[in-house]
């Protein structure tokens, strides 16, 4: 019996244990609401709660072509939700 679970959210998979705090893609829900995920391998229930939400640091994307006077700079800040794993049943 493993003491971890693998959950999927936001198109990514995360290996979690009870008590872990992880950053995931933004989850549009009430901050007081409890979240429930299912383990991908054994089908266990993973209960989590929302700790924080915000935006990550800015990532700059630069397109540049030398000798052609071409340069474009785009910025992007990804939104995230920080969740705490309360229990794995």
Foldseek 3Di string as FASTA:
>chain_A
DDQWFWFDDPNDIDIDHAFDKDKDADDPDDQQDKDWTAGPPPGWIWIKHWDDKDWDDKDWDWDDDPPPPDIDIDIDIGIITIMHTHDTD
